[in-house]
PDB file of all heavy atoms in Angstrom:
ATOM      1  N   MET A   1      -0.327  64.123  36.315  1.00  0.00           N
ATOM      2  CA  MET A   1       0.210  63.725  37.604  1.00  0.00           C
ATOM      3  C   MET A   1       0.045  62.215  37.746  1.00  0.00           C
ATOM      4  O   MET A   1      -1.007  61.748  38.167  1.00  0.00           O
ATOM      5  CB  MET A   1      -0.528  64.477  38.702  1.00  0.00           C
ATOM      6  CG  MET A   1      -0.389  63.862  40.055  1.00  0.00           C
ATOM      7  SD  MET A   1      -1.006  64.895  41.360  1.00  0.00           S
ATOM      8  CE  MET A   1      -2.570  64.171  41.667  1.00  0.00           C
ATOM      9  N   PRO A   2       1.054  61.442  37.388  1.00  0.00           N
ATOM     10  CA  PRO A   2       0.915  59.998  37.553  1.00  0.00           C
ATOM     11  C   PRO A   2       1.090  59.560  38.998  1.00  0.00           C
ATOM     12  O   PRO A   2       1.913  60.102  39.738  1.00  0.00           O
ATOM     13  CB  PRO A   2       2.023  59.427  36.670  1.00  0.00           C
ATOM     14  CG  PRO A   2       3.044  60.497  36.593  1.00  0.00           C
ATOM     15  CD  PRO A   2       2.298  61.794  36.696  1.00  0.00           C
ATOM     16  N   THR A   3       0.284  58.597  39.376  1.00  0.00           N
ATOM     17  CA  THR A   3       0.446  57.909  40.649  1.00  0.00           C
ATOM     18  C   THR A   3       0.751  56.461  40.320  1.00  0.00           C
ATOM     19  O   THR A   3      -0.030  55.791  39.642  1.00  0.00           O
ATOM     20  CB  THR A   3      -0.833  57.995  41.506  1.00  0.00           C
ATOM     21  OG1 THR A   3      -1.116  59.374  41.753  1.00  0.00           O
ATOM     22  CG2 THR A   3      -0.641  57.270  42.834  1.00  0.00           C
ATOM     23  N   ILE A   4       1.883  55.989  40.777  1.00  0.00           N
ATOM     24  CA  ILE A   4       2.357  54.654  40.446  1.00  0.00           C
ATOM     25  C   ILE A   4       2.328  53.796  41.698  1.00  0.00           C
ATOM     26  O   ILE A   4       2.964  54.123  42.703  1.00  0.00           O
ATOM     27  CB  ILE A   4       3.784  54.720  39.857  1.00  0.00           C
ATOM     28  CG1 ILE A   4       3.774  55.624  38.619  1.00  0.00           C
ATOM     29  CG2 ILE A   4       4.302  53.329  39.540  1.00  0.00           C
ATOM     30  CD1 ILE A   4       5.124  56.143  38.208  1.00  0.00           C
ATOM     31  N   HIS A   5       1.567  52.703  41.640  1.00  0.00           N
ATOM     32  CA  HIS A   5       1.451  51.779  42.766  1.00  0.00           C
ATOM     33  C   HIS A   5       2.343  50.570  42.490  1.00  0.00           C
ATOM     34  O   HIS A   5       2.241  49.956  41.426  1.00  0.00           O
ATOM     35  CB  HIS A   5       0.008  51.287  42.933  1.00  0.00           C
ATOM     36  CG  HIS A   5      -0.952  52.360  43.301  1.00  0.00           C
ATOM     37  ND1 HIS A   5      -1.385  52.553  44.584  1.00  0.00           N
ATOM     38  CD2 HIS A   5      -1.564  53.311  42.554  1.00  0.00           C
ATOM     39  CE1 HIS A   5      -2.227  53.565  44.602  1.00  0.00           C
ATOM     40  NE2 HIS A   5      -2.349  54.047  43.380  1.00  0.00           N
ATOM     41  N   VAL A   6       3.174  50.209  43.464  1.00  0.00           N
ATOM     42  CA  VAL A   6       4.060  49.055  43.315  1.00  0.00           C
ATOM     43  C   VAL A   6       3.861  48.142  44.518  1.00  0.00           C
ATOM     44  O   VAL A   6       4.009  48.578  45.663  1.00  0.00           O
ATOM     45  CB  VAL A   6       5.543  49.485  43.242  1.00  0.00           C
ATOM     46  CG1 VAL A   6       6.448  48.277  43.122  1.00  0.00           C
ATOM     47  CG2 VAL A   6       5.770  50.463  42.101  1.00  0.00           C
ATOM     48  N   GLU A   7       3.510  46.901  44.244  1.00  0.00           N
ATOM     49  CA  GLU A   7       3.405  45.904  45.302  1.00  0.00           C
ATOM     50  C   GLU A   7       4.560  44.940  45.137  1.00  0.00           C
ATOM     51  O   GLU A   7       4.838  44.494  44.022  1.00  0.00           O
ATOM     52  CB  GLU A   7       2.069  45.167  45.204  1.00  0.00           C
ATOM     53  CG  GLU A   7       0.892  46.073  45.458  1.00  0.00           C
ATOM     54  CD  GLU A   7      -0.442  45.356  45.380  1.00  0.00           C
ATOM     55  OE1 GLU A   7      -0.465  44.119  45.475  1.00  0.00           O
ATOM     56  OE2 GLU A   7      -1.450  46.045  45.218  1.00  0.00           O
ATOM     57  N   MET A   8       5.239  44.647  46.224  1.00  0.00           N
ATOM     58  CA  MET A   8       6.388  43.750  46.172  1.00  0.00           C
ATOM     59  C   MET A   8       6.548  43.059  47.515  1.00  0.00           C
ATOM     60  O   MET A   8       6.001  43.498  48.527  1.00  0.00           O
ATOM     61  CB  MET A   8       7.651  44.514  45.801  1.00  0.00           C
ATOM     62  CG  MET A   8       8.012  45.629  46.743  1.00  0.00           C
ATOM     63  SD  MET A   8       9.397  46.569  46.080  1.00  0.00           S
ATOM     64  CE  MET A   8       9.478  47.901  47.234  1.00  0.00           C
ATOM     65  N   PHE A   9       7.285  41.955  47.484  1.00  0.00           N
ATOM     66  CA  PHE A   9       7.535  41.258  48.742  1.00  0.00           C
ATOM     67  C   PHE A   9       8.316  42.150  49.689  1.00  0.00           C
ATOM     68  O   PHE A   9       9.191  42.916  49.268  1.00  0.00           O
ATOM     69  CB  PHE A   9       8.318  39.966  48.510  1.00  0.00           C
ATOM     70  CG  PHE A   9       7.528  38.912  47.793  1.00  0.00           C
ATOM     71  CD1 PHE A   9       8.096  38.174  46.784  1.00  0.00           C
ATOM     72  CD2 PHE A   9       6.210  38.652  48.133  1.00  0.00           C
ATOM     73  CE1 PHE A   9       7.380  37.194  46.121  1.00  0.00           C
ATOM     74  CE2 PHE A   9       5.479  37.674  47.477  1.00  0.00           C
ATOM     75  CZ  PHE A   9       6.068  36.949  46.464  1.00  0.00           C
ATOM     76  N   GLU A  10       8.003  42.040  50.964  1.00  0.00           N
ATOM     77  CA  GLU A  10       8.722  42.808  51.974  1.00  0.00           C
ATOM     78  C   GLU A  10      10.170  42.335  52.037  1.00  0.00           C
ATOM     79  O   GLU A  10      10.508  41.258  51.562  1.00  0.00           O
ATOM     80  CB  GLU A  10       8.051  42.650  53.337  1.00  0.00           C
ATOM     81  CG  GLU A  10       8.043  41.236  53.864  1.00  0.00           C
ATOM     82  CD  GLU A  10       7.263  41.086  55.160  1.00  0.00           C
ATOM     83  OE1 GLU A  10       6.764  42.079  55.701  1.00  0.00           O
ATOM     84  OE2 GLU A  10       7.153  39.950  55.626  1.00  0.00           O
ATOM     85  N   GLY A  11      11.015  43.183  52.595  1.00  0.00           N
ATOM     86  CA  GLY A  11      12.402  42.794  52.799  1.00  0.00           C
ATOM     87  C   GLY A  11      13.419  43.713  52.136  1.00  0.00           C
ATOM     88  O   GLY A  11      14.613  43.561  52.357  1.00  0.00           O
ATOM     89  N   ARG A  12      12.943  44.655  51.317  1.00  0.00           N
ATOM     90  CA  ARG A  12      13.886  45.587  50.704  1.00  0.00           C
ATOM     91  C   ARG A  12      14.345  46.603  51.741  1.00  0.00           C
ATOM     92  O   ARG A  12      13.595  46.973  52.630  1.00  0.00           O
ATOM     93  CB  ARG A  12      13.231  46.341  49.547  1.00  0.00           C
ATOM     94  CG  ARG A  12      13.284  45.692  48.177  1.00  0.00           C
ATOM     95  CD  ARG A  12      12.782  44.313  48.158  1.00  0.00           C
ATOM     96  NE  ARG A  12      12.744  43.753  46.803  1.00  0.00           N
ATOM     97  CZ  ARG A  12      11.759  43.028  46.368  1.00  0.00           C
ATOM     98  NH1 ARG A  12      10.705  42.784  47.124  1.00  0.00           N
ATOM     99  NH2 ARG A  12      11.812  42.490  45.165  1.00  0.00           N
ATOM    100  N   THR A  13      15.567  47.051  51.586  1.00  0.00           N
ATOM    101  CA  THR A  13      16.093  48.053  52.509  1.00  0.00           C
ATOM    102  C   THR A  13      15.559  49.429  52.132  1.00  0.00           C
ATOM    103  O   THR A  13      15.067  49.636  51.015  1.00  0.00           O
ATOM    104  CB  THR A  13      17.633  48.095  52.475  1.00  0.00           C
ATOM    105  OG1 THR A  13      18.047  48.569  51.171  1.00  0.00           O
ATOM    106  CG2 THR A  13      18.241  46.739  52.766  1.00  0.00           C
ATOM    107  N   LEU A  14      15.684  50.364  53.050  1.00  0.00           N
ATOM    108  CA  LEU A  14      15.278  51.734  52.791  1.00  0.00           C
ATOM    109  C   LEU A  14      16.081  52.298  51.622  1.00  0.00           C
ATOM    110  O   LEU A  14      15.533  53.002  50.759  1.00  0.00           O
ATOM    111  CB  LEU A  14      15.465  52.582  54.048  1.00  0.00           C
ATOM    112  CG  LEU A  14      14.872  53.974  54.047  1.00  0.00           C
ATOM    113  CD1 LEU A  14      13.381  53.945  53.737  1.00  0.00           C
ATOM    114  CD2 LEU A  14      15.128  54.654  55.371  1.00  0.00           C
ATOM    115  N   GLU A  15      17.358  51.984  51.545  1.00  0.00           N
ATOM    116  CA  GLU A  15      18.199  52.473  50.445  1.00  0.00           C
ATOM    117  C   GLU A  15      17.716  51.909  49.097  1.00  0.00           C
ATOM    118  O   GLU A  15      17.668  52.634  48.099  1.00  0.00           O
ATOM    119  CB  GLU A  15      19.661  52.118  50.676  1.00  0.00           C
ATOM    120  CG  GLU A  15      20.604  52.663  49.609  1.00  0.00           C
ATOM    121  CD  GLU A  15      20.536  54.178  49.417  1.00  0.00           C
ATOM    122  OE1 GLU A  15      20.286  54.914  50.398  1.00  0.00           O
ATOM    123  OE2 GLU A  15      20.719  54.625  48.267  1.00  0.00           O
ATOM    124  N   GLN A  16      17.360  50.631  49.055  1.00  0.00           N
ATOM    125  CA  GLN A  16      16.834  50.046  47.821  1.00  0.00           C
ATOM    126  C   GLN A  16      15.551  50.747  47.397  1.00  0.00           C
ATOM    127  O   GLN A  16      15.350  51.032  46.213  1.00  0.00           O
ATOM    128  CB  GLN A  16      16.565  48.552  48.002  1.00  0.00           C
ATOM    129  CG  GLN A  16      17.812  47.710  48.074  1.00  0.00           C
ATOM    130  CD  GLN A  16      17.492  46.270  48.420  1.00  0.00           C
ATOM    131  OE1 GLN A  16      16.712  45.987  49.336  1.00  0.00           O
ATOM    132  NE2 GLN A  16      18.099  45.347  47.688  1.00  0.00           N
ATOM    133  N   LYS A  17      14.692  51.040  48.365  1.00  0.00           N
ATOM    134  CA  LYS A  17      13.440  51.720  48.051  1.00  0.00           C
ATOM    135  C   LYS A  17      13.708  53.136  47.541  1.00  0.00           C
ATOM    136  O   LYS A  17      13.068  53.595  46.595  1.00  0.00           O
ATOM    137  CB  LYS A  17      12.526  51.757  49.273  1.00  0.00           C
ATOM    138  CG  LYS A  17      11.965  50.398  49.635  1.00  0.00           C
ATOM    139  CD  LYS A  17      11.090  50.487  50.869  1.00  0.00           C
ATOM    140  CE  LYS A  17      10.556  49.141  51.282  1.00  0.00           C
ATOM    141  NZ  LYS A  17       9.667  49.229  52.454  1.00  0.00           N
ATOM    142  N   ARG A  18      14.655  53.832  48.152  1.00  0.00           N
ATOM    143  CA  ARG A  18      15.015  55.184  47.696  1.00  0.00           C
ATOM    144  C   ARG A  18      15.462  55.157  46.239  1.00  0.00           C
ATOM    145  O   ARG A  18      15.037  55.973  45.425  1.00  0.00           O
ATOM    146  CB  ARG A  18      16.142  55.764  48.546  1.00  0.00           C
ATOM    147  CG  ARG A  18      15.712  56.358  49.835  1.00  0.00           C
ATOM    148  CD  ARG A  18      16.879  57.135  50.476  1.00  0.00           C
ATOM    149  NE  ARG A  18      16.570  57.401  51.844  1.00  0.00           N
ATOM    150  CZ  ARG A  18      17.110  56.784  52.892  1.00  0.00           C
ATOM    151  NH1 ARG A  18      18.036  55.865  52.716  1.00  0.00           N
ATOM    152  NH2 ARG A  18      16.752  57.095  54.118  1.00  0.00           N
ATOM    153  N   GLU A  19      16.356  54.231  45.916  1.00  0.00           N
ATOM    154  CA  GLU A  19      16.881  54.124  44.555  1.00  0.00           C
ATOM    155  C   GLU A  19      15.767  53.754  43.575  1.00  0.00           C
ATOM    156  O   GLU A  19      15.715  54.271  42.452  1.00  0.00           O
ATOM    157  CB  GLU A  19      17.997  53.086  44.490  1.00  0.00           C
ATOM    158  CG  GLU A  19      19.270  53.528  45.184  1.00  0.00           C
ATOM    159  CD  GLU A  19      20.373  52.481  45.096  1.00  0.00           C
ATOM    160  OE1 GLU A  19      20.438  51.758  44.079  1.00  0.00           O
ATOM    161  OE2 GLU A  19      21.176  52.398  46.045  1.00  0.00           O
ATOM    162  N   PHE A  20      14.892  52.871  44.000  1.00  0.00           N
ATOM    163  CA  PHE A  20      13.802  52.418  43.141  1.00  0.00           C
ATOM    164  C   PHE A  20      12.830  53.549  42.819  1.00  0.00           C
ATOM    165  O   PHE A  20      12.491  53.767  41.650  1.00  0.00           O
ATOM    166  CB  PHE A  20      13.082  51.245  43.818  1.00  0.00           C
ATOM    167  CG  PHE A  20      12.028  50.598  42.978  1.00  0.00           C
ATOM    168  CD1 PHE A  20      12.325  50.050  41.740  1.00  0.00           C
ATOM    169  CD2 PHE A  20      10.718  50.512  43.436  1.00  0.00           C
ATOM    170  CE1 PHE A  20      11.343  49.442  40.965  1.00  0.00           C
ATOM    171  CE2 PHE A  20       9.736  49.898  42.670  1.00  0.00           C
ATOM    172  CZ  PHE A  20      10.051  49.370  41.439  1.00  0.00           C
ATOM    173  N   VAL A  21      12.385  54.289  43.838  1.00  0.00           N
ATOM    174  CA  VAL A  21      11.430  55.372  43.571  1.00  0.00           C
ATOM    175  C   VAL A  21      12.076  56.491  42.766  1.00  0.00           C
ATOM    176  O   VAL A  21      11.417  57.136  41.949  1.00  0.00           O
ATOM    177  CB  VAL A  21      10.758  55.916  44.862  1.00  0.00           C
ATOM    178  CG1 VAL A  21       9.951  54.819  45.536  1.00  0.00           C
ATOM    179  CG2 VAL A  21      11.740  56.525  45.819  1.00  0.00           C
ATOM    180  N   LYS A  22      13.366  56.694  42.948  1.00  0.00           N
ATOM    181  CA  LYS A  22      14.081  57.691  42.142  1.00  0.00           C
ATOM    182  C   LYS A  22      14.083  57.258  40.677  1.00  0.00           C
ATOM    183  O   LYS A  22      13.800  58.059  39.785  1.00  0.00           O
ATOM    184  CB  LYS A  22      15.513  57.866  42.647  1.00  0.00           C
ATOM    185  CG  LYS A  22      16.290  58.907  41.883  1.00  0.00           C
ATOM    186  CD  LYS A  22      17.689  59.082  42.443  1.00  0.00           C
ATOM    187  CE  LYS A  22      18.462  60.099  41.614  1.00  0.00           C
ATOM    188  NZ  LYS A  22      19.858  60.219  42.047  1.00  0.00           N
ATOM    189  N   ALA A  23      14.373  55.973  40.417  1.00  0.00           N
ATOM    190  CA  ALA A  23      14.414  55.468  39.044  1.00  0.00           C
ATOM    191  C   ALA A  23      13.030  55.518  38.400  1.00  0.00           C
ATOM    192  O   ALA A  23      12.895  55.884  37.220  1.00  0.00           O
ATOM    193  CB  ALA A  23      14.966  54.044  39.026  1.00  0.00           C
ATOM    194  N   ILE A  24      12.004  55.150  39.152  1.00  0.00           N
ATOM    195  CA  ILE A  24      10.639  55.203  38.618  1.00  0.00           C
ATOM    196  C   ILE A  24      10.251  56.638  38.289  1.00  0.00           C
ATOM    197  O   ILE A  24       9.669  56.922  37.243  1.00  0.00           O
ATOM    198  CB  ILE A  24       9.630  54.605  39.627  1.00  0.00           C
ATOM    199  CG1 ILE A  24       9.834  53.103  39.745  1.00  0.00           C
ATOM    200  CG2 ILE A  24       8.197  54.918  39.219  1.00  0.00           C
ATOM    201  CD1 ILE A  24       9.005  52.472  40.841  1.00  0.00           C
ATOM    202  N   THR A  25      10.575  57.549  39.172  1.00  0.00           N
ATOM    203  CA  THR A  25      10.260  58.961  38.953  1.00  0.00           C
ATOM    204  C   THR A  25      10.972  59.477  37.714  1.00  0.00           C
ATOM    205  O   THR A  25      10.370  60.147  36.865  1.00  0.00           O
ATOM    206  CB  THR A  25      10.629  59.798  40.193  1.00  0.00           C
ATOM    207  OG1 THR A  25       9.885  59.311  41.312  1.00  0.00           O
ATOM    208  CG2 THR A  25      10.327  61.268  39.971  1.00  0.00           C
ATOM    209  N   GLU A  26      12.251  59.155  37.577  1.00  0.00           N
ATOM    210  CA  GLU A  26      13.013  59.600  36.413  1.00  0.00           C
ATOM    211  C   GLU A  26      12.419  59.026  35.122  1.00  0.00           C
ATOM    212  O   GLU A  26      12.351  59.730  34.107  1.00  0.00           O
ATOM    213  CB  GLU A  26      14.483  59.204  36.553  1.00  0.00           C
ATOM    214  CG  GLU A  26      15.208  60.003  37.609  1.00  0.00           C
ATOM    215  CD  GLU A  26      16.609  59.491  37.931  1.00  0.00           C
ATOM    216  OE1 GLU A  26      17.016  58.420  37.416  1.00  0.00           O
ATOM    217  OE2 GLU A  26      17.299  60.169  38.716  1.00  0.00           O
ATOM    218  N   ALA A  27      11.972  57.777  35.158  1.00  0.00           N
ATOM    219  CA  ALA A  27      11.358  57.172  33.972  1.00  0.00           C
ATOM    220  C   ALA A  27      10.054  57.872  33.614  1.00  0.00           C
ATOM    221  O   ALA A  27       9.771  58.106  32.432  1.00  0.00           O
ATOM    222  CB  ALA A  27      11.125  55.684  34.210  1.00  0.00           C
ATOM    223  N   ALA A  28       9.260  58.217  34.608  1.00  0.00           N
ATOM    224  CA  ALA A  28       8.001  58.920  34.355  1.00  0.00           C
ATOM    225  C   ALA A  28       8.261  60.308  33.770  1.00  0.00           C
ATOM    226  O   ALA A  28       7.572  60.740  32.835  1.00  0.00           O
ATOM    227  CB  ALA A  28       7.175  59.025  35.636  1.00  0.00           C
ATOM    228  N   VAL A  29       9.250  60.983  34.297  1.00  0.00           N
ATOM    229  CA  VAL A  29       9.600  62.311  33.784  1.00  0.00           C
ATOM    230  C   VAL A  29      10.035  62.209  32.326  1.00  0.00           C
ATOM    231  O   VAL A  29       9.590  62.979  31.467  1.00  0.00           O
ATOM    232  CB  VAL A  29      10.705  62.956  34.657  1.00  0.00           C
ATOM    233  CG1 VAL A  29      11.282  64.188  33.990  1.00  0.00           C
ATOM    234  CG2 VAL A  29      10.154  63.298  36.047  1.00  0.00           C
ATOM    235  N   LYS A  30      10.883  61.232  32.038  1.00  0.00           N
ATOM    236  CA  LYS A  30      11.423  61.075  30.684  1.00  0.00           C
ATOM    237  C   LYS A  30      10.350  60.652  29.681  1.00  0.00           C
ATOM    238  O   LYS A  30      10.279  61.187  28.582  1.00  0.00           O
ATOM    239  CB  LYS A  30      12.551  60.043  30.702  1.00  0.00           C
ATOM    240  CG  LYS A  30      13.170  59.793  29.351  1.00  0.00           C
ATOM    241  CD  LYS A  30      14.286  58.770  29.435  1.00  0.00           C
ATOM    242  CE  LYS A  30      14.861  58.480  28.051  1.00  0.00           C
ATOM    243  NZ  LYS A  30      15.909  57.469  28.090  1.00  0.00           N
ATOM    244  N   THR A  31       9.532  59.689  30.041  1.00  0.00           N
ATOM    245  CA  THR A  31       8.585  59.126  29.068  1.00  0.00           C
ATOM    246  C   THR A  31       7.238  59.835  29.019  1.00  0.00           C
ATOM    247  O   THR A  31       6.582  59.844  27.978  1.00  0.00           O
ATOM    248  CB  THR A  31       8.342  57.627  29.330  1.00  0.00           C
ATOM    249  OG1 THR A  31       7.815  57.455  30.645  1.00  0.00           O
ATOM    250  CG2 THR A  31       9.627  56.836  29.190  1.00  0.00           C
ATOM    251  N   LEU A  32       6.817  60.415  30.134  1.00  0.00           N
ATOM    252  CA  LEU A  32       5.500  61.053  30.190  1.00  0.00           C
ATOM    253  C   LEU A  32       5.555  62.575  30.168  1.00  0.00           C
ATOM    254  O   LEU A  32       4.525  63.227  30.048  1.00  0.00           O
ATOM    255  CB  LEU A  32       4.752  60.601  31.454  1.00  0.00           C
ATOM    256  CG  LEU A  32       4.530  59.103  31.614  1.00  0.00           C
ATOM    257  CD1 LEU A  32       3.863  58.819  32.948  1.00  0.00           C
ATOM    258  CD2 LEU A  32       3.717  58.545  30.457  1.00  0.00           C
ATOM    259  N   GLY A  33       6.762  63.119  30.346  1.00  0.00           N
ATOM    260  CA  GLY A  33       6.896  64.567  30.376  1.00  0.00           C
ATOM    261  C   GLY A  33       6.398  65.182  31.673  1.00  0.00           C
ATOM    262  O   GLY A  33       6.104  66.370  31.723  1.00  0.00           O
ATOM    263  N   SER A  34       6.312  64.388  32.702  1.00  0.00           N
ATOM    264  CA  SER A  34       5.872  64.884  34.018  1.00  0.00           C
ATOM    265  C   SER A  34       6.993  65.644  34.695  1.00  0.00           C
ATOM    266  O   SER A  34       8.164  65.438  34.399  1.00  0.00           O
ATOM    267  CB  SER A  34       5.476  63.708  34.911  1.00  0.00           C
ATOM    268  OG  SER A  34       4.484  62.928  34.314  1.00  0.00           O
ATOM    269  N   SER A  35       6.627  66.486  35.631  1.00  0.00           N
ATOM    270  CA  SER A  35       7.649  67.080  36.492  1.00  0.00           C
ATOM    271  C   SER A  35       7.873  66.105  37.642  1.00  0.00           C
ATOM    272  O   SER A  35       6.940  65.393  38.041  1.00  0.00           O
ATOM    273  CB  SER A  35       7.194  68.437  37.030  1.00  0.00           C
ATOM    274  OG  SER A  35       6.118  68.267  37.932  1.00  0.00           O
ATOM    275  N   PRO A  36       9.087  66.053  38.180  1.00  0.00           N
ATOM    276  CA  PRO A  36       9.340  65.127  39.291  1.00  0.00           C
ATOM    277  C   PRO A  36       8.386  65.341  40.462  1.00  0.00           C
ATOM    278  O   PRO A  36       7.966  64.383  41.110  1.00  0.00           O
ATOM    279  CB  PRO A  36      10.783  65.433  39.694  1.00  0.00           C
ATOM    280  CG  PRO A  36      11.405  66.041  38.493  1.00  0.00           C
ATOM    281  CD  PRO A  36      10.290  66.786  37.788  1.00  0.00           C
ATOM    282  N   GLU A  37       8.015  66.586  40.704  1.00  0.00           N
ATOM    283  CA  GLU A  37       7.141  66.904  41.828  1.00  0.00           C
ATOM    284  C   GLU A  37       5.714  66.385  41.646  1.00  0.00           C
ATOM    285  O   GLU A  37       4.960  66.293  42.612  1.00  0.00           O
ATOM    286  CB  GLU A  37       7.103  68.420  42.062  1.00  0.00           C
ATOM    287  CG  GLU A  37       8.436  69.023  42.436  1.00  0.00           C
ATOM    288  CD  GLU A  37       9.382  69.215  41.246  1.00  0.00           C
ATOM    289  OE1 GLU A  37       8.927  69.251  40.091  1.00  0.00           O
ATOM    290  OE2 GLU A  37      10.595  69.306  41.489  1.00  0.00           O
ATOM    291  N   SER A  38       5.356  66.035  40.413  1.00  0.00           N
ATOM    292  CA  SER A  38       3.992  65.558  40.172  1.00  0.00           C
ATOM    293  C   SER A  38       3.877  64.039  40.199  1.00  0.00           C
ATOM    294  O   SER A  38       2.778  63.504  40.090  1.00  0.00           O
ATOM    295  CB  SER A  38       3.491  66.072  38.816  1.00  0.00           C
ATOM    296  OG  SER A  38       4.157  65.414  37.763  1.00  0.00           O
ATOM    297  N   VAL A  39       5.001  63.342  40.347  1.00  0.00           N
ATOM    298  CA  VAL A  39       5.000  61.883  40.314  1.00  0.00           C
ATOM    299  C   VAL A  39       4.892  61.336  41.739  1.00  0.00           C
ATOM    300  O   VAL A  39       5.745  61.610  42.588  1.00  0.00           O
ATOM    301  CB  VAL A  39       6.278  61.335  39.643  1.00  0.00           C
ATOM    302  CG1 VAL A  39       6.273  59.812  39.643  1.00  0.00           C
ATOM    303  CG2 VAL A  39       6.423  61.879  38.226  1.00  0.00           C
ATOM    304  N   ASP A  40       3.836  60.584  41.983  1.00  0.00           N
ATOM    305  CA  ASP A  40       3.665  59.910  43.270  1.00  0.00           C
ATOM    306  C   ASP A  40       3.948  58.428  43.077  1.00  0.00           C
ATOM    307  O   ASP A  40       3.477  57.823  42.110  1.00  0.00           O
ATOM    308  CB  ASP A  40       2.236  60.065  43.800  1.00  0.00           C
ATOM    309  CG  ASP A  40       1.932  61.491  44.215  1.00  0.00           C
ATOM    310  OD1 ASP A  40       2.801  62.127  44.820  1.00  0.00           O
ATOM    311  OD2 ASP A  40       0.818  61.954  43.932  1.00  0.00           O
ATOM    312  N   VAL A  41       4.710  57.845  44.004  1.00  0.00           N
ATOM    313  CA  VAL A  41       4.980  56.410  43.989  1.00  0.00           C
ATOM    314  C   VAL A  41       4.547  55.854  45.331  1.00  0.00           C
ATOM    315  O   VAL A  41       4.982  56.339  46.382  1.00  0.00           O
ATOM    316  CB  VAL A  41       6.480  56.107  43.746  1.00  0.00           C
ATOM    317  CG1 VAL A  41       6.723  54.606  43.725  1.00  0.00           C
ATOM    318  CG2 VAL A  41       6.971  56.753  42.455  1.00  0.00           C
ATOM    319  N   ILE A  42       3.679  54.862  45.300  1.00  0.00           N
ATOM    320  CA  ILE A  42       3.199  54.228  46.527  1.00  0.00           C
ATOM    321  C   ILE A  42       3.724  52.806  46.556  1.00  0.00           C
ATOM    322  O   ILE A  42       3.432  52.001  45.667  1.00  0.00           O
ATOM    323  CB  ILE A  42       1.659  54.235  46.582  1.00  0.00           C
ATOM    324  CG1 ILE A  42       1.147  55.677  46.549  1.00  0.00           C
ATOM    325  CG2 ILE A  42       1.170  53.482  47.815  1.00  0.00           C
ATOM    326  CD1 ILE A  42      -0.350  55.796  46.376  1.00  0.00           C
ATOM    327  N   LEU A  43       4.537  52.506  47.550  1.00  0.00           N
ATOM    328  CA  LEU A  43       5.099  51.174  47.719  1.00  0.00           C
ATOM    329  C   LEU A  43       4.291  50.419  48.769  1.00  0.00           C
ATOM    330  O   LEU A  43       4.027  50.945  49.849  1.00  0.00           O
ATOM    331  CB  LEU A  43       6.556  51.247  48.176  1.00  0.00           C
ATOM    332  CG  LEU A  43       7.523  52.005  47.271  1.00  0.00           C
ATOM    333  CD1 LEU A  43       8.912  52.046  47.912  1.00  0.00           C
ATOM    334  CD2 LEU A  43       7.592  51.374  45.899  1.00  0.00           C
ATOM    335  N   THR A  44       3.935  49.194  48.440  1.00  0.00           N
ATOM    336  CA  THR A  44       3.234  48.348  49.386  1.00  0.00           C
ATOM    337  C   THR A  44       4.035  47.077  49.576  1.00  0.00           C
ATOM    338  O   THR A  44       4.268  46.339  48.613  1.00  0.00           O
ATOM    339  CB  THR A  44       1.815  47.997  48.879  1.00  0.00           C
ATOM    340  OG1 THR A  44       1.095  49.209  48.639  1.00  0.00           O
ATOM    341  CG2 THR A  44       1.076  47.143  49.882  1.00  0.00           C
ATOM    342  N   ASP A  45       4.502  46.852  50.788  1.00  0.00           N
ATOM    343  CA  ASP A  45       5.219  45.623  51.116  1.00  0.00           C
ATOM    344  C   ASP A  45       4.193  44.543  51.448  1.00  0.00           C
ATOM    345  O   ASP A  45       3.272  44.768  52.229  1.00  0.00           O
ATOM    346  CB  ASP A  45       6.130  45.826  52.334  1.00  0.00           C
ATOM    347  CG  ASP A  45       7.373  46.623  52.010  1.00  0.00           C
ATOM    348  OD1 ASP A  45       7.751  46.691  50.829  1.00  0.00           O
ATOM    349  OD2 ASP A  45       7.982  47.175  52.939  1.00  0.00           O
TER     350      ASP A  45
END
């Protein structure tokens, strides 16, 4: 169960964040063999 922490400058839209966490989740599933439900992404603005 990976937990991925991402710190970035504030200002991204909700849609950008949605697309970003989807891409990160898909990468974790592909490279780590995780299930999407086990991938946590924490965004910090």
